[in-house]
Amino acid sequence: MRCPYCGSEDTQVKDSRPAEDNTSIRRRRICPDCGGRFTTFERVQLRELMVIKKTGRKVPFDRDKLVRSFEVALRKRPVERDRIERAVSGIVRRLESSGETEISSEQIGLQVLEAMKSLDDVGFVRYASVYRDFSFAEDFEKVISEINAKIARDPLDR
C-alpha cells in the first residue's frame, strides 16, 4: 500500500480489525519513511459489477457513489452513519449475489428507495423526488400520503 503522504510503497500494518458489521477489515498503517499514519479498508468483492444507465451507457459500480446518495438524502437527519453503512452493505451484497454482472441503475434506485423507507421518511421523500423526477407539488403530496397511509396501517413500525 502506497503512503498517501510521501508516496513510499513500504508501509506496515500496525493493527487490523473487523469493521462495518464484519463486512470489511480496517487496517491502521504506518509509513517507516515519513512516520505518517493512515487507515485502509479491505472488502470482499464477489464480482465486478457494471451499471447500465438510462441512456444505455455502462459504468463500473461505485460503492462510494451509493454512500454519497444516501448521505445527500439524509443530510442533517438523525440517522447514524452505521445504519447507512449497513444499508449500503446490504444493497451491495444483494447486487453481487444476484449472479448478474450488469445491473440497471433503476434496480439500484429501487433498492435504495426500499432501504430509505426504513431509515428516514424525510430522506425517503428527498431521494424519491430525484429518483422519480418530481416536477410538481402533487408528486410530493402523493408520496407523503403513501407514507401517512403506511403509518396508519403500522403505527408501531417507526
N, C-alpha and C. Protein backbone atom coordinates (compact mmCIF):
# COMPACT_ATOMS: atom_id res chain seq x y z
N MET A 1 0.85 -1.18 0.00
CA MET A 1 0.00 0.00 0.00
C MET A 1 0.89 1.24 0.00
N ARG A 2 0.62 2.13 -0.89
CA ARG A 2 1.42 3.36 -1.03
C ARG A 2 1.02 4.37 0.05
N CYS A 3 2.01 5.03 0.64
CA CYS A 3 1.76 6.05 1.66
C CYS A 3 1.14 7.28 0.99
N PRO A 4 0.02 7.78 1.53
CA PRO A 4 -0.62 8.95 0.93
C PRO A 4 0.16 10.25 1.17
N TYR A 5 1.11 10.22 2.10
CA TYR A 5 1.87 11.43 2.44
C TYR A 5 3.15 11.58 1.62
N CYS A 6 3.94 10.50 1.55
CA CYS A 6 5.23 10.62 0.87
C CYS A 6 5.34 9.74 -0.37
N GLY A 7 4.38 8.86 -0.59
CA GLY A 7 4.39 8.01 -1.77
C GLY A 7 5.20 6.72 -1.63
N SER A 8 5.80 6.50 -0.48
CA SER A 8 6.59 5.29 -0.26
C SER A 8 5.70 4.05 -0.40
N GLU A 9 6.26 3.00 -0.99
CA GLU A 9 5.50 1.76 -1.14
C GLU A 9 5.75 0.78 -0.01
N ASP A 10 6.54 1.17 0.97
CA ASP A 10 6.92 0.29 2.07
C ASP A 10 6.18 0.68 3.35
N THR A 11 4.86 0.43 3.40
CA THR A 11 4.09 0.74 4.61
C THR A 11 3.85 -0.54 5.40
N GLN A 12 3.62 -0.37 6.69
CA GLN A 12 3.44 -1.51 7.57
C GLN A 12 2.07 -1.46 8.24
N VAL A 13 1.44 -2.63 8.37
CA VAL A 13 0.17 -2.74 9.07
C VAL A 13 0.46 -2.83 10.56
N LYS A 14 -0.13 -1.93 11.35
CA LYS A 14 0.05 -1.94 12.80
C LYS A 14 -1.12 -2.58 13.53
N ASP A 15 -2.31 -2.52 12.92
CA ASP A 15 -3.49 -3.06 13.59
C ASP A 15 -4.53 -3.42 12.54
N SER A 16 -5.18 -4.56 12.70
CA SER A 16 -6.28 -4.98 11.83
C SER A 16 -7.44 -5.40 12.69
N ARG A 17 -8.64 -5.02 12.27
CA ARG A 17 -9.84 -5.43 12.99
C ARG A 17 -11.04 -5.39 12.06
N PRO A 18 -12.07 -6.19 12.38
CA PRO A 18 -13.29 -6.16 11.55
C PRO A 18 -13.95 -4.79 11.65
N ALA A 19 -14.60 -4.40 10.58
CA ALA A 19 -15.32 -3.13 10.56
C ALA A 19 -16.64 -3.32 9.83
N GLU A 20 -17.54 -2.36 9.99
CA GLU A 20 -18.80 -2.32 9.25
C GLU A 20 -19.56 -3.63 9.28
N ASP A 21 -19.93 -4.05 10.42
CA ASP A 21 -20.76 -5.24 10.53
C ASP A 21 -20.06 -6.49 9.99
N ASN A 22 -18.74 -6.55 10.18
CA ASN A 22 -17.91 -7.67 9.75
C ASN A 22 -17.90 -7.90 8.23
N THR A 23 -18.16 -6.86 7.46
CA THR A 23 -18.13 -6.99 6.01
C THR A 23 -16.83 -6.45 5.42
N SER A 24 -15.97 -5.89 6.26
CA SER A 24 -14.68 -5.39 5.79
C SER A 24 -13.67 -5.45 6.93
N ILE A 25 -12.41 -5.23 6.57
CA ILE A 25 -11.35 -5.20 7.57
C ILE A 25 -10.73 -3.81 7.57
N ARG A 26 -10.60 -3.25 8.75
CA ARG A 26 -9.99 -1.93 8.93
C ARG A 26 -8.53 -2.15 9.31
N ARG A 27 -7.62 -1.52 8.58
CA ARG A 27 -6.19 -1.67 8.87
C ARG A 27 -5.58 -0.30 9.16
N ARG A 28 -4.92 -0.20 10.29
CA ARG A 28 -4.14 1.00 10.62
C ARG A 28 -2.74 0.75 10.10
N ARG A 29 -2.21 1.70 9.34
CA ARG A 29 -0.90 1.54 8.73
C ARG A 29 0.01 2.69 9.13
N ILE A 30 1.31 2.43 9.05
CA ILE A 30 2.32 3.46 9.33
C ILE A 30 3.39 3.36 8.24
N CYS A 31 3.89 4.52 7.88
CA CYS A 31 4.96 4.59 6.89
C CYS A 31 6.30 4.73 7.62
N PRO A 32 7.23 3.78 7.45
CA PRO A 32 8.52 3.89 8.14
C PRO A 32 9.39 5.02 7.61
N ASP A 33 9.12 5.49 6.40
CA ASP A 33 9.93 6.56 5.82
C ASP A 33 9.58 7.94 6.40
N CYS A 34 8.26 8.25 6.44
CA CYS A 34 7.88 9.59 6.91
C CYS A 34 7.15 9.58 8.25
N GLY A 35 6.79 8.39 8.74
CA GLY A 35 6.10 8.30 10.03
C GLY A 35 4.60 8.56 9.92
N GLY A 36 4.07 8.77 8.72
CA GLY A 36 2.65 9.03 8.53
C GLY A 36 1.80 7.82 8.89
N ARG A 37 0.65 8.09 9.49
CA ARG A 37 -0.29 7.03 9.85
C ARG A 37 -1.58 7.24 9.07
N PHE A 38 -2.16 6.14 8.60
CA PHE A 38 -3.41 6.23 7.85
C PHE A 38 -4.17 4.91 7.97
N THR A 39 -5.43 4.94 7.58
CA THR A 39 -6.30 3.78 7.69
C THR A 39 -6.74 3.34 6.30
N THR A 40 -6.79 2.02 6.08
CA THR A 40 -7.33 1.47 4.85
C THR A 40 -8.43 0.48 5.21
N PHE A 41 -9.31 0.24 4.25
CA PHE A 41 -10.38 -0.74 4.43
C PHE A 41 -10.28 -1.76 3.31
N GLU A 42 -10.48 -3.02 3.66
CA GLU A 42 -10.42 -4.10 2.70
C GLU A 42 -11.78 -4.80 2.70
N ARG A 43 -12.39 -4.94 1.51
CA ARG A 43 -13.70 -5.58 1.38
C ARG A 43 -13.61 -6.73 0.39
N VAL A 44 -14.46 -7.70 0.57
CA VAL A 44 -14.58 -8.79 -0.38
C VAL A 44 -15.40 -8.28 -1.56
N GLN A 45 -14.93 -8.56 -2.77
CA GLN A 45 -15.69 -8.21 -3.96
C GLN A 45 -15.95 -9.50 -4.70
N LEU A 46 -17.23 -9.91 -4.72
CA LEU A 46 -17.58 -11.19 -5.33
C LEU A 46 -17.43 -11.16 -6.85
N ARG A 47 -17.82 -10.06 -7.45
CA ARG A 47 -17.72 -9.93 -8.90
C ARG A 47 -17.67 -8.46 -9.28
N GLU A 48 -17.15 -8.20 -10.46
CA GLU A 48 -17.09 -6.82 -10.97
C GLU A 48 -18.47 -6.46 -11.52
N LEU A 49 -19.11 -5.48 -10.95
CA LEU A 49 -20.45 -5.08 -11.38
C LEU A 49 -20.39 -3.89 -12.32
N MET A 50 -21.24 -3.92 -13.33
CA MET A 50 -21.39 -2.79 -14.25
C MET A 50 -22.81 -2.27 -14.11
N VAL A 51 -22.95 -0.95 -14.11
CA VAL A 51 -24.26 -0.31 -14.01
C VAL A 51 -24.65 0.17 -15.40
N ILE A 52 -25.87 -0.19 -15.80
CA ILE A 52 -26.39 0.27 -17.08
C ILE A 52 -27.28 1.49 -16.81
N LYS A 53 -26.83 2.63 -17.29
CA LYS A 53 -27.56 3.88 -17.09
C LYS A 53 -28.80 3.93 -17.99
N LYS A 54 -29.69 4.89 -17.74
CA LYS A 54 -30.90 5.04 -18.56
C LYS A 54 -30.56 5.28 -20.02
N THR A 55 -29.43 5.90 -20.27
CA THR A 55 -29.01 6.18 -21.65
C THR A 55 -28.44 4.95 -22.35
N GLY A 56 -28.23 3.87 -21.59
CA GLY A 56 -27.63 2.67 -22.15
C GLY A 56 -26.13 2.58 -21.92
N ARG A 57 -25.56 3.67 -21.45
CA ARG A 57 -24.12 3.69 -21.16
C ARG A 57 -23.82 2.78 -19.97
N LYS A 58 -22.67 2.11 -20.01
CA LYS A 58 -22.28 1.21 -18.92
C LYS A 58 -21.09 1.82 -18.17
N VAL A 59 -21.20 1.83 -16.84
CA VAL A 59 -20.13 2.35 -16.00
C VAL A 59 -19.88 1.36 -14.87
N PRO A 60 -18.65 1.29 -14.36
CA PRO A 60 -18.38 0.39 -13.22
C PRO A 60 -19.18 0.82 -11.99
N PHE A 61 -19.66 -0.16 -11.23
CA PHE A 61 -20.37 0.13 -9.99
C PHE A 61 -19.42 0.81 -9.02
N ASP A 62 -19.90 1.85 -8.35
CA ASP A 62 -19.09 2.62 -7.41
C ASP A 62 -19.80 2.67 -6.06
N ARG A 63 -19.30 1.91 -5.10
CA ARG A 63 -19.90 1.86 -3.76
C ARG A 63 -19.93 3.23 -3.11
N ASP A 64 -18.87 4.01 -3.31
CA ASP A 64 -18.80 5.34 -2.71
C ASP A 64 -19.90 6.26 -3.24
N LYS A 65 -20.24 6.11 -4.51
CA LYS A 65 -21.32 6.92 -5.08
C LYS A 65 -22.65 6.56 -4.41
N LEU A 66 -22.84 5.27 -4.13
CA LEU A 66 -24.04 4.82 -3.44
C LEU A 66 -24.11 5.42 -2.04
N VAL A 67 -22.97 5.41 -1.34
CA VAL A 67 -22.91 6.01 0.00
C VAL A 67 -23.24 7.50 -0.07
N ARG A 68 -22.67 8.20 -1.05
CA ARG A 68 -22.93 9.64 -1.20
C ARG A 68 -24.40 9.94 -1.45
N SER A 69 -25.08 9.08 -2.22
CA SER A 69 -26.50 9.32 -2.48
C SER A 69 -27.31 9.20 -1.19
N PHE A 70 -26.95 8.26 -0.33
CA PHE A 70 -27.60 8.15 0.98
C PHE A 70 -27.29 9.40 1.81
N GLU A 71 -26.04 9.81 1.82
CA GLU A 71 -25.64 10.97 2.64
C GLU A 71 -26.35 12.25 2.19
N VAL A 72 -26.51 12.43 0.89
CA VAL A 72 -27.19 13.62 0.39
C VAL A 72 -28.65 13.61 0.82
N ALA A 73 -29.32 12.48 0.65
CA ALA A 73 -30.73 12.39 1.02
C ALA A 73 -30.94 12.51 2.53
N LEU A 74 -29.94 12.09 3.31
CA LEU A 74 -30.09 12.08 4.77
C LEU A 74 -29.33 13.21 5.46
N ARG A 75 -28.87 14.20 4.67
CA ARG A 75 -28.12 15.32 5.24
C ARG A 75 -28.96 16.03 6.31
N LYS A 76 -28.34 16.25 7.45
CA LYS A 76 -28.95 16.92 8.61
C LYS A 76 -30.15 16.17 9.17
N ARG A 77 -30.16 14.84 8.98
CA ARG A 77 -31.20 13.99 9.53
C ARG A 77 -30.57 13.13 10.63
N PRO A 78 -31.36 12.73 11.62
CA PRO A 78 -30.81 11.96 12.75
C PRO A 78 -30.65 10.47 12.43
N VAL A 79 -29.81 10.16 11.44
CA VAL A 79 -29.56 8.77 11.07
C VAL A 79 -28.07 8.50 11.28
N GLU A 80 -27.77 7.48 12.07
CA GLU A 80 -26.37 7.16 12.38
C GLU A 80 -25.65 6.64 11.15
N ARG A 81 -24.38 6.96 11.07
CA ARG A 81 -23.53 6.53 9.95
C ARG A 81 -23.51 5.00 9.83
N ASP A 82 -23.55 4.28 10.95
CA ASP A 82 -23.54 2.82 10.94
C ASP A 82 -24.76 2.26 10.21
N ARG A 83 -25.92 2.90 10.41
CA ARG A 83 -27.14 2.42 9.74
C ARG A 83 -27.03 2.62 8.23
N ILE A 84 -26.43 3.73 7.82
CA ILE A 84 -26.22 3.97 6.39
C ILE A 84 -25.28 2.91 5.83
N GLU A 85 -24.18 2.65 6.53
CA GLU A 85 -23.21 1.65 6.07
C GLU A 85 -23.84 0.27 5.97
N ARG A 86 -24.68 -0.10 6.94
CA ARG A 86 -25.35 -1.40 6.89
C ARG A 86 -26.30 -1.48 5.70
N ALA A 87 -27.03 -0.39 5.44
CA ALA A 87 -27.95 -0.37 4.30
C ALA A 87 -27.18 -0.51 2.99
N VAL A 88 -26.09 0.23 2.85
CA VAL A 88 -25.27 0.16 1.63
C VAL A 88 -24.67 -1.23 1.48
N SER A 89 -24.13 -1.78 2.56
CA SER A 89 -23.53 -3.11 2.50
C SER A 89 -24.57 -4.16 2.10
N GLY A 90 -25.78 -4.01 2.61
CA GLY A 90 -26.85 -4.94 2.24
C GLY A 90 -27.20 -4.86 0.77
N ILE A 91 -27.27 -3.65 0.24
CA ILE A 91 -27.56 -3.47 -1.19
C ILE A 91 -26.45 -4.07 -2.03
N VAL A 92 -25.20 -3.78 -1.68
CA VAL A 92 -24.06 -4.30 -2.44
C VAL A 92 -24.04 -5.83 -2.39
N ARG A 93 -24.29 -6.39 -1.22
CA ARG A 93 -24.31 -7.84 -1.07
C ARG A 93 -25.39 -8.46 -1.97
N ARG A 94 -26.60 -7.85 -1.99
CA ARG A 94 -27.67 -8.37 -2.83
C ARG A 94 -27.32 -8.26 -4.31
N LEU A 95 -26.71 -7.15 -4.70
CA LEU A 95 -26.33 -6.97 -6.11
C LEU A 95 -25.27 -7.99 -6.52
N GLU A 96 -24.26 -8.18 -5.67
CA GLU A 96 -23.19 -9.12 -6.00
C GLU A 96 -23.66 -10.57 -6.02
N SER A 97 -24.59 -10.90 -5.13
CA SER A 97 -25.05 -12.29 -5.06
C SER A 97 -26.19 -12.58 -6.03
N SER A 98 -26.63 -11.58 -6.77
CA SER A 98 -27.71 -11.80 -7.73
C SER A 98 -27.29 -12.66 -8.91
N GLY A 99 -25.99 -12.77 -9.13
CA GLY A 99 -25.49 -13.55 -10.25
C GLY A 99 -25.32 -12.73 -11.52
N GLU A 100 -25.87 -11.53 -11.53
CA GLU A 100 -25.76 -10.65 -12.70
C GLU A 100 -24.49 -9.81 -12.60
N THR A 101 -23.87 -9.57 -13.74
CA THR A 101 -22.70 -8.68 -13.74
C THR A 101 -23.09 -7.29 -14.22
N GLU A 102 -24.24 -7.18 -14.90
CA GLU A 102 -24.74 -5.88 -15.35
C GLU A 102 -26.09 -5.63 -14.70
N ILE A 103 -26.19 -4.49 -14.02
CA ILE A 103 -27.38 -4.15 -13.27
C ILE A 103 -27.83 -2.76 -13.69
N SER A 104 -29.13 -2.60 -13.90
CA SER A 104 -29.63 -1.29 -14.32
C SER A 104 -29.63 -0.32 -13.14
N SER A 105 -29.45 0.94 -13.46
CA SER A 105 -29.47 1.96 -12.41
C SER A 105 -30.85 2.00 -11.76
N GLU A 106 -31.87 1.61 -12.51
CA GLU A 106 -33.22 1.59 -11.97
C GLU A 106 -33.35 0.55 -10.84
N GLN A 107 -32.74 -0.63 -11.03
CA GLN A 107 -32.77 -1.67 -9.98
C GLN A 107 -32.09 -1.17 -8.71
N ILE A 108 -30.97 -0.49 -8.89
CA ILE A 108 -30.24 0.04 -7.73
C ILE A 108 -31.10 1.09 -7.04
N GLY A 109 -31.70 1.98 -7.83
CA GLY A 109 -32.55 3.04 -7.27
C GLY A 109 -33.71 2.47 -6.46
N LEU A 110 -34.33 1.40 -6.96
CA LEU A 110 -35.43 0.79 -6.23
C LEU A 110 -34.96 0.21 -4.90
N GLN A 111 -33.78 -0.39 -4.90
CA GLN A 111 -33.25 -0.93 -3.64
C GLN A 111 -32.93 0.19 -2.66
N VAL A 112 -32.42 1.31 -3.17
CA VAL A 112 -32.13 2.46 -2.30
C VAL A 112 -33.44 3.00 -1.72
N LEU A 113 -34.47 3.13 -2.55
CA LEU A 113 -35.76 3.60 -2.06
C LEU A 113 -36.29 2.70 -0.95
N GLU A 114 -36.18 1.40 -1.15
CA GLU A 114 -36.65 0.45 -0.15
C GLU A 114 -35.88 0.61 1.17
N ALA A 115 -34.56 0.75 1.06
CA ALA A 115 -33.74 0.92 2.26
C ALA A 115 -34.04 2.26 2.93
N MET A 116 -34.26 3.28 2.13
CA MET A 116 -34.51 4.63 2.66
C MET A 116 -35.81 4.66 3.46
N LYS A 117 -36.81 3.86 3.04
CA LYS A 117 -38.08 3.80 3.76
C LYS A 117 -37.86 3.43 5.22
N SER A 118 -36.95 2.50 5.45
CA SER A 118 -36.74 2.04 6.83
C SER A 118 -35.79 2.94 7.61
N LEU A 119 -35.05 3.80 6.91
CA LEU A 119 -34.11 4.67 7.61
C LEU A 119 -34.74 5.98 8.06
N ASP A 120 -35.45 6.67 7.13
CA ASP A 120 -35.95 8.00 7.47
C ASP A 120 -36.97 8.45 6.43
N ASP A 121 -38.14 8.89 6.89
CA ASP A 121 -39.19 9.32 5.97
C ASP A 121 -38.79 10.54 5.15
N VAL A 122 -38.14 11.51 5.77
CA VAL A 122 -37.72 12.72 5.05
C VAL A 122 -36.66 12.37 4.01
N GLY A 123 -35.71 11.53 4.37
CA GLY A 123 -34.70 11.08 3.42
C GLY A 123 -35.33 10.32 2.26
N PHE A 124 -36.35 9.52 2.58
CA PHE A 124 -37.07 8.79 1.53
C PHE A 124 -37.70 9.75 0.54
N VAL A 125 -38.37 10.79 1.04
CA VAL A 125 -39.03 11.76 0.15
C VAL A 125 -37.98 12.51 -0.66
N ARG A 126 -36.87 12.88 -0.04
CA ARG A 126 -35.80 13.57 -0.78
C ARG A 126 -35.27 12.70 -1.91
N TYR A 127 -34.96 11.45 -1.59
CA TYR A 127 -34.42 10.55 -2.61
C TYR A 127 -35.46 10.30 -3.71
N ALA A 128 -36.70 10.05 -3.29
CA ALA A 128 -37.76 9.77 -4.26
C ALA A 128 -37.98 10.95 -5.20
N SER A 129 -37.83 12.17 -4.69
CA SER A 129 -38.05 13.35 -5.53
C SER A 129 -37.04 13.42 -6.67
N VAL A 130 -35.84 12.95 -6.45
CA VAL A 130 -34.82 12.93 -7.50
C VAL A 130 -35.00 11.68 -8.36
N TYR A 131 -35.15 10.53 -7.72
CA TYR A 131 -35.25 9.26 -8.43
C TYR A 131 -36.47 9.23 -9.35
N ARG A 132 -37.60 9.69 -8.84
CA ARG A 132 -38.83 9.67 -9.63
C ARG A 132 -39.03 10.95 -10.44
N ASP A 133 -38.07 11.86 -10.36
CA ASP A 133 -38.08 13.10 -11.15
C ASP A 133 -39.35 13.92 -10.92
N PHE A 134 -39.58 14.29 -9.65
CA PHE A 134 -40.75 15.08 -9.31
C PHE A 134 -40.72 16.42 -10.04
N SER A 135 -41.87 16.83 -10.56
CA SER A 135 -41.98 18.11 -11.26
C SER A 135 -42.98 19.04 -10.60
N PHE A 136 -43.91 18.47 -9.85
CA PHE A 136 -44.99 19.26 -9.28
C PHE A 136 -45.16 18.96 -7.79
N ALA A 137 -45.78 19.89 -7.08
CA ALA A 137 -46.03 19.71 -5.65
C ALA A 137 -46.90 18.47 -5.41
N GLU A 138 -47.77 18.16 -6.36
CA GLU A 138 -48.65 16.99 -6.22
C GLU A 138 -47.84 15.69 -6.13
N ASP A 139 -46.67 15.67 -6.77
CA ASP A 139 -45.81 14.49 -6.70
C ASP A 139 -45.37 14.25 -5.26
N PHE A 140 -45.01 15.33 -4.56
CA PHE A 140 -44.61 15.22 -3.16
C PHE A 140 -45.80 14.79 -2.31
N GLU A 141 -46.96 15.40 -2.58
CA GLU A 141 -48.16 15.07 -1.80
C GLU A 141 -48.49 13.58 -1.92
N LYS A 142 -48.34 13.01 -3.11
CA LYS A 142 -48.65 11.61 -3.32
C LYS A 142 -47.74 10.72 -2.47
N VAL A 143 -46.44 11.00 -2.47
CA VAL A 143 -45.50 10.18 -1.69
C VAL A 143 -45.76 10.35 -0.20
N ILE A 144 -46.03 11.56 0.23
CA ILE A 144 -46.30 11.80 1.65
C ILE A 144 -47.58 11.09 2.07
N SER A 145 -48.59 11.08 1.20
CA SER A 145 -49.82 10.36 1.56
C SER A 145 -49.56 8.85 1.64
N GLU A 146 -48.65 8.33 0.80
CA GLU A 146 -48.27 6.92 0.90
C GLU A 146 -47.62 6.63 2.26
N ILE A 147 -46.75 7.54 2.70
CA ILE A 147 -46.09 7.36 3.99
C ILE A 147 -47.11 7.43 5.12
N ASN A 148 -48.03 8.40 5.04
CA ASN A 148 -49.06 8.53 6.07
C ASN A 148 -49.96 7.30 6.12
N ALA A 149 -50.27 6.72 4.96
CA ALA A 149 -51.09 5.50 4.92
C ALA A 149 -50.33 4.35 5.57
N LYS A 150 -49.03 4.28 5.34
CA LYS A 150 -48.21 3.22 5.95
C LYS A 150 -48.19 3.40 7.47
N ILE A 151 -48.08 4.64 7.94
CA ILE A 151 -48.07 4.91 9.38
C ILE A 151 -49.41 4.52 9.99
N ALA A 152 -50.48 4.81 9.28
CA ALA A 152 -51.81 4.46 9.79
C ALA A 152 -51.98 2.94 9.89
N ARG A 153 -51.41 2.20 8.92
CA ARG A 153 -51.50 0.75 8.94
C ARG A 153 -50.62 0.15 10.03
N ASP A 154 -49.41 0.64 10.14
CA ASP A 154 -48.42 0.08 11.07
C ASP A 154 -47.88 1.17 11.99
N PRO A 155 -48.67 1.63 12.97
CA PRO A 155 -48.21 2.74 13.83
C PRO A 155 -46.95 2.44 14.65
N LEU A 156 -46.69 1.16 14.91
CA LEU A 156 -45.50 0.82 15.70
C LEU A 156 -44.26 0.62 14.83
N ASP A 157 -44.43 0.62 13.53
CA ASP A 157 -43.33 0.40 12.59
C ASP A 157 -42.63 1.73 12.29
N ARG A 158 -42.03 2.34 13.27
CA ARG A 158 -41.38 3.65 13.11
C ARG A 158 -39.98 3.60 13.58
